[in-house]
Every structure is written in C-alpha cells, then in structure tokens.
PDB file of all heavy atoms in Angstrom:
ATOM      1  N   GLU A   1     149.493  21.251 -53.829  1.00  0.00           N
ATOM      2  CA  GLU A   1     148.596  21.600 -54.967  1.00  0.00           C
ATOM      3  C   GLU A   1     148.827  21.043 -56.302  1.00  0.00           C
ATOM      4  O   GLU A   1     147.891  20.478 -56.989  1.00  0.00           O
ATOM      5  CB  GLU A   1     148.525  23.130 -55.021  1.00  0.00           C
ATOM      6  CG  GLU A   1     147.358  23.660 -55.966  1.00  0.00           C
ATOM      7  CD  GLU A   1     147.273  25.123 -55.981  1.00  0.00           C
ATOM      8  OE1 GLU A   1     148.145  25.869 -55.489  1.00  0.00           O
ATOM      9  OE2 GLU A   1     146.151  25.595 -56.380  1.00  0.00           O
ATOM     10  N   GLU A   2     150.080  21.007 -56.676  1.00  0.00           N
ATOM     11  CA  GLU A   2     150.481  20.430 -58.029  1.00  0.00           C
ATOM     12  C   GLU A   2     149.952  18.924 -58.136  1.00  0.00           C
ATOM     13  O   GLU A   2     149.396  18.597 -59.126  1.00  0.00           O
ATOM     14  CB  GLU A   2     152.011  20.526 -58.132  1.00  0.00           C
ATOM     15  CG  GLU A   2     152.431  20.012 -59.550  1.00  0.00           C
ATOM     16  CD  GLU A   2     153.918  20.127 -59.707  1.00  0.00           C
ATOM     17  OE1 GLU A   2     154.490  20.983 -59.227  1.00  0.00           O
ATOM     18  OE2 GLU A   2     154.406  19.131 -60.339  1.00  0.00           O
ATOM     19  N   GLN A   3     150.331  18.168 -57.022  1.00  0.00           N
ATOM     20  CA  GLN A   3     149.982  16.656 -57.079  1.00  0.00           C
ATOM     21  C   GLN A   3     148.480  16.455 -56.977  1.00  0.00           C
ATOM     22  O   GLN A   3     147.878  15.712 -57.625  1.00  0.00           O
ATOM     23  CB  GLN A   3     150.575  16.020 -55.956  1.00  0.00           C
ATOM     24  CG  GLN A   3     152.125  15.856 -56.053  1.00  0.00           C
ATOM     25  CD  GLN A   3     152.849  17.053 -55.433  1.00  0.00           C
ATOM     26  OE1 GLN A   3     152.360  18.104 -54.935  1.00  0.00           O
ATOM     27  NE2 GLN A   3     154.192  17.026 -55.412  1.00  0.00           N
ATOM     28  N   VAL A   4     147.787  17.376 -56.095  1.00  0.00           N
ATOM     29  CA  VAL A   4     146.374  17.120 -55.863  1.00  0.00           C
ATOM     30  C   VAL A   4     145.646  17.400 -57.220  1.00  0.00           C
ATOM     31  O   VAL A   4     144.787  16.757 -57.559  1.00  0.00           O
ATOM     32  CB  VAL A   4     145.837  17.932 -54.636  1.00  0.00           C
ATOM     33  CG1 VAL A   4     144.301  18.143 -54.619  1.00  0.00           C
ATOM     34  CG2 VAL A   4     146.372  17.486 -53.353  1.00  0.00           C
ATOM     35  N   ILE A   5     145.953  18.629 -57.739  1.00  0.00           N
ATOM     36  CA  ILE A   5     145.321  18.925 -59.020  1.00  0.00           C
ATOM     37  C   ILE A   5     145.598  17.851 -60.119  1.00  0.00           C
ATOM     38  O   ILE A   5     144.640  17.384 -60.799  1.00  0.00           O
ATOM     39  CB  ILE A   5     145.719  20.277 -59.468  1.00  0.00           C
ATOM     40  CG1 ILE A   5     145.340  21.364 -58.507  1.00  0.00           C
ATOM     41  CG2 ILE A   5     145.181  20.644 -60.790  1.00  0.00           C
ATOM     42  CD1 ILE A   5     143.783  21.578 -58.195  1.00  0.00           C
ATOM     43  N   ARG A   6     146.802  17.476 -60.229  1.00  0.00           N
ATOM     44  CA  ARG A   6     147.259  16.552 -61.394  1.00  0.00           C
ATOM     45  C   ARG A   6     146.501  15.129 -61.087  1.00  0.00           C
ATOM     46  O   ARG A   6     145.755  14.708 -62.116  1.00  0.00           O
ATOM     47  CB  ARG A   6     148.677  16.242 -61.240  1.00  0.00           C
ATOM     48  CG  ARG A   6     149.082  15.219 -62.348  1.00  0.00           C
ATOM     49  CD  ARG A   6     150.587  14.848 -62.390  1.00  0.00           C
ATOM     50  NE  ARG A   6     151.446  15.887 -62.286  1.00  0.00           N
ATOM     51  CZ  ARG A   6     152.475  16.129 -61.254  1.00  0.00           C
ATOM     52  NH1 ARG A   6     152.578  15.192 -60.355  1.00  0.00           N
ATOM     53  NH2 ARG A   6     153.187  17.200 -61.205  1.00  0.00           N
ATOM     54  N   TYR A   7     146.369  14.684 -59.915  1.00  0.00           N
ATOM     55  CA  TYR A   7     145.719  13.385 -59.832  1.00  0.00           C
ATOM     56  C   TYR A   7     144.261  13.478 -59.637  1.00  0.00           C
ATOM     57  O   TYR A   7     143.529  12.601 -59.859  1.00  0.00           O
ATOM     58  CB  TYR A   7     146.492  12.596 -58.676  1.00  0.00           C
ATOM     59  CG  TYR A   7     147.798  12.300 -59.010  1.00  0.00           C
ATOM     60  CD1 TYR A   7     148.904  12.842 -58.252  1.00  0.00           C
ATOM     61  CD2 TYR A   7     148.214  11.635 -60.265  1.00  0.00           C
ATOM     62  CE1 TYR A   7     150.258  12.567 -58.680  1.00  0.00           C
ATOM     63  CE2 TYR A   7     149.411  11.455 -60.681  1.00  0.00           C
ATOM     64  CZ  TYR A   7     150.477  12.015 -59.802  1.00  0.00           C
ATOM     65  OH  TYR A   7     151.850  11.676 -60.271  1.00  0.00           O
ATOM     66  N   SER A   8     143.703  14.643 -59.238  1.00  0.00           N
ATOM     67  CA  SER A   8     142.283  14.846 -59.247  1.00  0.00           C
ATOM     68  C   SER A   8     141.829  14.844 -60.702  1.00  0.00           C
ATOM     69  O   SER A   8     140.738  14.346 -61.020  1.00  0.00           O
ATOM     70  CB  SER A   8     141.953  16.193 -58.563  1.00  0.00           C
ATOM     71  OG  SER A   8     142.271  16.166 -57.138  1.00  0.00           O
ATOM     72  N   VAL A   9     142.486  15.565 -61.562  1.00  0.00           N
ATOM     73  CA  VAL A   9     142.191  15.556 -62.943  1.00  0.00           C
ATOM     74  C   VAL A   9     142.309  14.213 -63.533  1.00  0.00           C
ATOM     75  O   VAL A   9     141.442  13.723 -64.149  1.00  0.00           O
ATOM     76  CB  VAL A   9     143.042  16.562 -63.781  1.00  0.00           C
ATOM     77  CG1 VAL A   9     142.818  16.365 -65.273  1.00  0.00           C
ATOM     78  CG2 VAL A   9     142.722  17.981 -63.345  1.00  0.00           C
ATOM     79  N   GLU A  10     143.397  13.482 -63.311  1.00  0.00           N
ATOM     80  CA  GLU A  10     143.588  12.237 -63.770  1.00  0.00           C
ATOM     81  C   GLU A  10     142.513  11.146 -63.416  1.00  0.00           C
ATOM     82  O   GLU A  10     141.985  10.337 -64.305  1.00  0.00           O
ATOM     83  CB  GLU A  10     144.873  11.514 -63.344  1.00  0.00           C
ATOM     84  CG  GLU A  10     145.151  10.111 -63.926  1.00  0.00           C
ATOM     85  CD  GLU A  10     146.607   9.553 -63.480  1.00  0.00           C
ATOM     86  OE1 GLU A  10     147.494  10.274 -62.947  1.00  0.00           O
ATOM     87  OE2 GLU A  10     146.772   8.290 -63.535  1.00  0.00           O
ATOM     88  N   PHE A  11     142.016  11.276 -62.258  1.00  0.00           N
ATOM     89  CA  PHE A  11     140.900  10.333 -61.723  1.00  0.00           C
ATOM     90  C   PHE A  11     139.588  10.919 -61.615  1.00  0.00           C
ATOM     91  O   PHE A  11     138.707  10.399 -60.995  1.00  0.00           O
ATOM     92  CB  PHE A  11     141.405   9.789 -60.394  1.00  0.00           C
ATOM     93  CG  PHE A  11     142.684   8.908 -60.442  1.00  0.00           C
ATOM     94  CD1 PHE A  11     143.879   9.343 -60.047  1.00  0.00           C
ATOM     95  CD2 PHE A  11     142.556   7.659 -61.006  1.00  0.00           C
ATOM     96  CE1 PHE A  11     144.954   8.645 -60.047  1.00  0.00           C
ATOM     97  CE2 PHE A  11     143.694   6.871 -61.253  1.00  0.00           C
ATOM     98  CZ  PHE A  11     145.054   7.370 -60.791  1.00  0.00           C
ATOM     99  N   GLU A  12     139.441  12.155 -62.367  1.00  0.00           N
ATOM    100  CA  GLU A  12     138.089  12.798 -62.306  1.00  0.00           C
ATOM    101  C   GLU A  12     137.507  13.059 -60.943  1.00  0.00           C
ATOM    102  O   GLU A  12     136.424  12.672 -60.740  1.00  0.00           O
ATOM    103  CB  GLU A  12     137.186  12.228 -63.198  1.00  0.00           C
ATOM    104  CG  GLU A  12     137.807  12.018 -64.670  1.00  0.00           C
ATOM    105  CD  GLU A  12     136.908  11.128 -65.530  1.00  0.00           C
ATOM    106  OE1 GLU A  12     136.153  10.153 -65.077  1.00  0.00           O
ATOM    107  OE2 GLU A  12     136.983  11.256 -66.847  1.00  0.00           O
ATOM    108  N   LEU A  13     138.234  13.616 -60.034  1.00  0.00           N
ATOM    109  CA  LEU A  13     137.816  13.868 -58.685  1.00  0.00           C
ATOM    110  C   LEU A  13     137.761  15.369 -58.441  1.00  0.00           C
ATOM    111  O   LEU A  13     138.566  16.159 -59.130  1.00  0.00           O
ATOM    112  CB  LEU A  13     138.723  13.320 -57.690  1.00  0.00           C
ATOM    113  CG  LEU A  13     138.891  11.782 -57.694  1.00  0.00           C
ATOM    114  CD1 LEU A  13     140.082  11.370 -56.716  1.00  0.00           C
ATOM    115  CD2 LEU A  13     137.566  11.163 -57.161  1.00  0.00           C
ATOM    116  N   ASP A  14     137.020  15.853 -57.570  1.00  0.00           N
ATOM    117  CA  ASP A  14     136.853  17.242 -57.155  1.00  0.00           C
ATOM    118  C   ASP A  14     138.177  17.444 -56.229  1.00  0.00           C
ATOM    119  O   ASP A  14     138.245  16.721 -55.198  1.00  0.00           O
ATOM    120  CB  ASP A  14     135.632  17.616 -56.510  1.00  0.00           C
ATOM    121  CG  ASP A  14     135.533  19.002 -55.959  1.00  0.00           C
ATOM    122  OD1 ASP A  14     136.598  19.766 -55.862  1.00  0.00           O
ATOM    123  OD2 ASP A  14     134.371  19.510 -55.822  1.00  0.00           O
ATOM    124  N   PRO A  15     139.177  18.282 -56.610  1.00  0.00           N
ATOM    125  CA  PRO A  15     140.253  18.541 -55.695  1.00  0.00           C
ATOM    126  C   PRO A  15     139.878  18.952 -54.236  1.00  0.00           C
ATOM    127  O   PRO A  15     140.599  18.408 -53.324  1.00  0.00           O
ATOM    128  CB  PRO A  15     141.025  19.739 -56.300  1.00  0.00           C
ATOM    129  CG  PRO A  15     140.511  19.789 -57.727  1.00  0.00           C
ATOM    130  CD  PRO A  15     139.164  19.187 -57.717  1.00  0.00           C
ATOM    131  N   HIS A  16     138.766  19.485 -54.028  1.00  0.00           N
ATOM    132  CA  HIS A  16     138.322  19.868 -52.703  1.00  0.00           C
ATOM    133  C   HIS A  16     138.033  18.636 -51.879  1.00  0.00           C
ATOM    134  O   HIS A  16     138.318  18.673 -50.631  1.00  0.00           O
ATOM    135  CB  HIS A  16     137.168  20.859 -52.670  1.00  0.00           C
ATOM    136  CG  HIS A  16     137.485  22.215 -53.197  1.00  0.00           C
ATOM    137  ND1 HIS A  16     136.564  23.014 -53.636  1.00  0.00           N
ATOM    138  CD2 HIS A  16     138.691  22.831 -53.557  1.00  0.00           C
ATOM    139  CE1 HIS A  16     137.140  24.099 -54.128  1.00  0.00           C
ATOM    140  NE2 HIS A  16     138.438  24.031 -54.047  1.00  0.00           N
ATOM    141  N   ILE A  17     137.491  17.614 -52.488  1.00  0.00           N
ATOM    142  CA  ILE A  17     137.257  16.301 -51.647  1.00  0.00           C
ATOM    143  C   ILE A  17     138.609  15.708 -51.281  1.00  0.00           C
ATOM    144  O   ILE A  17     138.763  15.171 -50.111  1.00  0.00           O
ATOM    145  CB  ILE A  17     136.280  15.362 -52.364  1.00  0.00           C
ATOM    146  CG1 ILE A  17     135.691  14.451 -51.277  1.00  0.00           C
ATOM    147  CG2 ILE A  17     136.924  14.684 -53.429  1.00  0.00           C
ATOM    148  CD1 ILE A  17     134.731  15.046 -50.387  1.00  0.00           C
ATOM    149  N   VAL A  18     139.593  15.883 -52.168  1.00  0.00           N
ATOM    150  CA  VAL A  18     140.906  15.253 -51.907  1.00  0.00           C
ATOM    151  C   VAL A  18     141.646  16.023 -50.793  1.00  0.00           C
ATOM    152  O   VAL A  18     142.090  15.438 -49.816  1.00  0.00           O
ATOM    153  CB  VAL A  18     141.772  15.221 -53.231  1.00  0.00           C
ATOM    154  CG1 VAL A  18     143.228  14.771 -52.853  1.00  0.00           C
ATOM    155  CG2 VAL A  18     141.074  14.446 -54.259  1.00  0.00           C
ATOM    156  N   TYR A  19     141.522  17.366 -50.884  1.00  0.00           N
ATOM    157  CA  TYR A  19     142.116  18.163 -49.783  1.00  0.00           C
ATOM    158  C   TYR A  19     141.379  17.860 -48.484  1.00  0.00           C
ATOM    159  O   TYR A  19     142.080  17.854 -47.409  1.00  0.00           O
ATOM    160  CB  TYR A  19     141.944  19.647 -50.207  1.00  0.00           C
ATOM    161  CG  TYR A  19     142.837  20.223 -51.111  1.00  0.00           C
ATOM    162  CD1 TYR A  19     142.434  20.799 -52.216  1.00  0.00           C
ATOM    163  CD2 TYR A  19     144.267  20.078 -50.873  1.00  0.00           C
ATOM    164  CE1 TYR A  19     143.447  21.319 -53.212  1.00  0.00           C
ATOM    165  CE2 TYR A  19     145.092  20.717 -51.804  1.00  0.00           C
ATOM    166  CZ  TYR A  19     144.712  21.215 -52.920  1.00  0.00           C
ATOM    167  OH  TYR A  19     145.594  21.727 -53.801  1.00  0.00           O
ATOM    168  N   SER A  20     140.047  17.689 -48.560  1.00  0.00           N
ATOM    169  CA  SER A  20     139.311  17.372 -47.226  1.00  0.00           C
ATOM    170  C   SER A  20     139.739  16.113 -46.773  1.00  0.00           C
ATOM    171  O   SER A  20     139.891  15.973 -45.454  1.00  0.00           O
ATOM    172  CB  SER A  20     137.832  17.338 -47.579  1.00  0.00           C
ATOM    173  OG  SER A  20     137.510  18.695 -48.021  1.00  0.00           O
ATOM    174  N   LEU A  21     139.960  15.156 -47.559  1.00  0.00           N
ATOM    175  CA  LEU A  21     140.454  13.750 -46.994  1.00  0.00           C
ATOM    176  C   LEU A  21     141.781  13.815 -46.503  1.00  0.00           C
ATOM    177  O   LEU A  21     142.101  13.398 -45.309  1.00  0.00           O
ATOM    178  CB  LEU A  21     140.435  12.776 -48.196  1.00  0.00           C
ATOM    179  CG  LEU A  21     139.246  11.994 -48.456  1.00  0.00           C
ATOM    180  CD1 LEU A  21     139.360  11.156 -49.728  1.00  0.00           C
ATOM    181  CD2 LEU A  21     138.957  10.915 -47.319  1.00  0.00           C
ATOM    182  N   ILE A  22     142.686  14.671 -47.153  1.00  0.00           N
ATOM    183  CA  ILE A  22     144.097  14.711 -46.611  1.00  0.00           C
ATOM    184  C   ILE A  22     144.012  15.542 -45.182  1.00  0.00           C
ATOM    185  O   ILE A  22     144.766  15.017 -44.355  1.00  0.00           O
ATOM    186  CB  ILE A  22     144.897  15.414 -47.598  1.00  0.00           C
ATOM    187  CG1 ILE A  22     145.188  14.662 -48.785  1.00  0.00           C
ATOM    188  CG2 ILE A  22     146.280  15.925 -46.942  1.00  0.00           C
ATOM    189  CD1 ILE A  22     145.922  15.314 -49.949  1.00  0.00           C
ATOM    190  N   LYS A  23     143.205  16.541 -45.185  1.00  0.00           N
ATOM    191  CA  LYS A  23     143.120  17.263 -43.867  1.00  0.00           C
ATOM    192  C   LYS A  23     142.712  16.395 -42.759  1.00  0.00           C
ATOM    193  O   LYS A  23     143.279  16.446 -41.688  1.00  0.00           O
ATOM    194  CB  LYS A  23     142.173  18.445 -44.068  1.00  0.00           C
ATOM    195  CG  LYS A  23     142.147  19.306 -42.852  1.00  0.00           C
ATOM    196  CD  LYS A  23     141.340  20.631 -43.222  1.00  0.00           C
ATOM    197  CE  LYS A  23     140.975  21.387 -41.906  1.00  0.00           C
ATOM    198  NZ  LYS A  23     142.143  21.819 -41.137  1.00  0.00           N
ATOM    199  N   VAL A  24     141.774  15.502 -43.038  1.00  0.00           N
ATOM    200  CA  VAL A  24     141.169  14.601 -41.947  1.00  0.00           C
ATOM    201  C   VAL A  24     142.153  13.495 -41.699  1.00  0.00           C
ATOM    202  O   VAL A  24     142.451  13.134 -40.561  1.00  0.00           O
ATOM    203  CB  VAL A  24     139.778  13.984 -42.304  1.00  0.00           C
ATOM    204  CG1 VAL A  24     139.426  12.930 -41.393  1.00  0.00           C
ATOM    205  CG2 VAL A  24     138.789  15.105 -42.394  1.00  0.00           C
ATOM    206  N   GLU A  25     142.758  12.899 -42.764  1.00  0.00           N
ATOM    207  CA  GLU A  25     143.558  11.786 -42.514  1.00  0.00           C
ATOM    208  C   GLU A  25     144.993  12.017 -41.894  1.00  0.00           C
ATOM    209  O   GLU A  25     145.391  11.317 -41.113  1.00  0.00           O
ATOM    210  CB  GLU A  25     143.789  11.120 -44.020  1.00  0.00           C
ATOM    211  CG  GLU A  25     142.650  10.355 -44.561  1.00  0.00           C
ATOM    212  CD  GLU A  25     142.328   9.092 -43.803  1.00  0.00           C
ATOM    213  OE1 GLU A  25     143.027   8.672 -43.013  1.00  0.00           O
ATOM    214  OE2 GLU A  25     141.296   8.457 -44.273  1.00  0.00           O
ATOM    215  N   SER A  26     145.534  13.156 -42.353  1.00  0.00           N
ATOM    216  CA  SER A  26     146.944  13.413 -41.924  1.00  0.00           C
ATOM    217  C   SER A  26     147.281  14.823 -41.467  1.00  0.00           C
ATOM    218  O   SER A  26     148.433  15.037 -41.062  1.00  0.00           O
ATOM    219  CB  SER A  26     147.981  12.946 -43.006  1.00  0.00           C
ATOM    220  OG  SER A  26     147.763  13.685 -44.035  1.00  0.00           O
ATOM    221  N   ALA A  27     146.307  15.609 -41.702  1.00  0.00           N
ATOM    222  CA  ALA A  27     146.528  16.979 -41.392  1.00  0.00           C
ATOM    223  C   ALA A  27     147.637  17.541 -42.123  1.00  0.00           C
ATOM    224  O   ALA A  27     148.451  18.402 -41.786  1.00  0.00           O
ATOM    225  CB  ALA A  27     146.678  17.407 -39.909  1.00  0.00           C
ATOM    226  N   PHE A  28     147.853  17.019 -43.403  1.00  0.00           N
ATOM    227  CA  PHE A  28     148.926  17.499 -44.380  1.00  0.00           C
ATOM    228  C   PHE A  28     150.376  17.086 -43.877  1.00  0.00           C
ATOM    229  O   PHE A  28     151.303  17.569 -44.379  1.00  0.00           O
ATOM    230  CB  PHE A  28     148.782  18.924 -44.676  1.00  0.00           C
ATOM    231  CG  PHE A  28     147.526  19.240 -45.398  1.00  0.00           C
ATOM    232  CD1 PHE A  28     146.432  19.657 -44.763  1.00  0.00           C
ATOM    233  CD2 PHE A  28     147.390  19.180 -46.808  1.00  0.00           C
ATOM    234  CE1 PHE A  28     145.314  20.066 -45.424  1.00  0.00           C
ATOM    235  CE2 PHE A  28     146.283  19.452 -47.428  1.00  0.00           C
ATOM    236  CZ  PHE A  28     145.144  19.844 -46.796  1.00  0.00           C
ATOM    237  N   LYS A  29     150.373  16.136 -43.045  1.00  0.00           N
ATOM    238  CA  LYS A  29     151.811  15.611 -42.696  1.00  0.00           C
ATOM    239  C   LYS A  29     152.108  14.403 -43.579  1.00  0.00           C
ATOM    240  O   LYS A  29     151.533  13.373 -43.568  1.00  0.00           O
ATOM    241  CB  LYS A  29     151.774  15.116 -41.130  1.00  0.00           C
ATOM    242  CG  LYS A  29     151.350  16.221 -40.220  1.00  0.00           C
ATOM    243  CD  LYS A  29     151.435  15.737 -38.812  1.00  0.00           C
ATOM    244  CE  LYS A  29     151.009  16.942 -37.900  1.00  0.00           C
ATOM    245  NZ  LYS A  29     150.241  16.478 -36.741  1.00  0.00           N
ATOM    246  N   TRP A  30     153.098  14.663 -44.323  1.00  0.00           N
ATOM    247  CA  TRP A  30     153.507  13.728 -45.424  1.00  0.00           C
ATOM    248  C   TRP A  30     153.998  12.392 -44.858  1.00  0.00           C
ATOM    249  O   TRP A  30     153.865  11.317 -45.622  1.00  0.00           O
ATOM    250  CB  TRP A  30     154.579  14.280 -46.381  1.00  0.00           C
ATOM    251  CG  TRP A  30     155.842  14.668 -45.657  1.00  0.00           C
ATOM    252  CD1 TRP A  30     156.067  15.812 -45.124  1.00  0.00           C
ATOM    253  CD2 TRP A  30     156.976  13.863 -45.533  1.00  0.00           C
ATOM    254  NE1 TRP A  30     157.351  15.780 -44.560  1.00  0.00           N
ATOM    255  CE2 TRP A  30     157.861  14.593 -44.776  1.00  0.00           C
ATOM    256  CE3 TRP A  30     157.350  12.584 -45.856  1.00  0.00           C
ATOM    257  CZ2 TRP A  30     159.194  14.029 -44.368  1.00  0.00           C
ATOM    258  CZ3 TRP A  30     158.480  12.022 -45.558  1.00  0.00           C
ATOM    259  CH2 TRP A  30     159.477  12.789 -44.813  1.00  0.00           C
TER     260      TRP A  30
END
C-alpha cells in the first residue's frame, strides 16, 4: 500500500487501477 499510494500520487493514477494491474500481472508475488 505504501508504494502503490506513493507512486499513484506521483504519477497521478488511481491506486485501484494499479492494484488491479498487479493482481492480474503477478497476483502480488514480488
């Protein structure tokens, strides 16, 4: 959450679209 919020704000993105991409792309596996 800390990173998603920080970089969503920096790049003016909705954090929910970022979470959705991460969920599809990697299922949150770093």
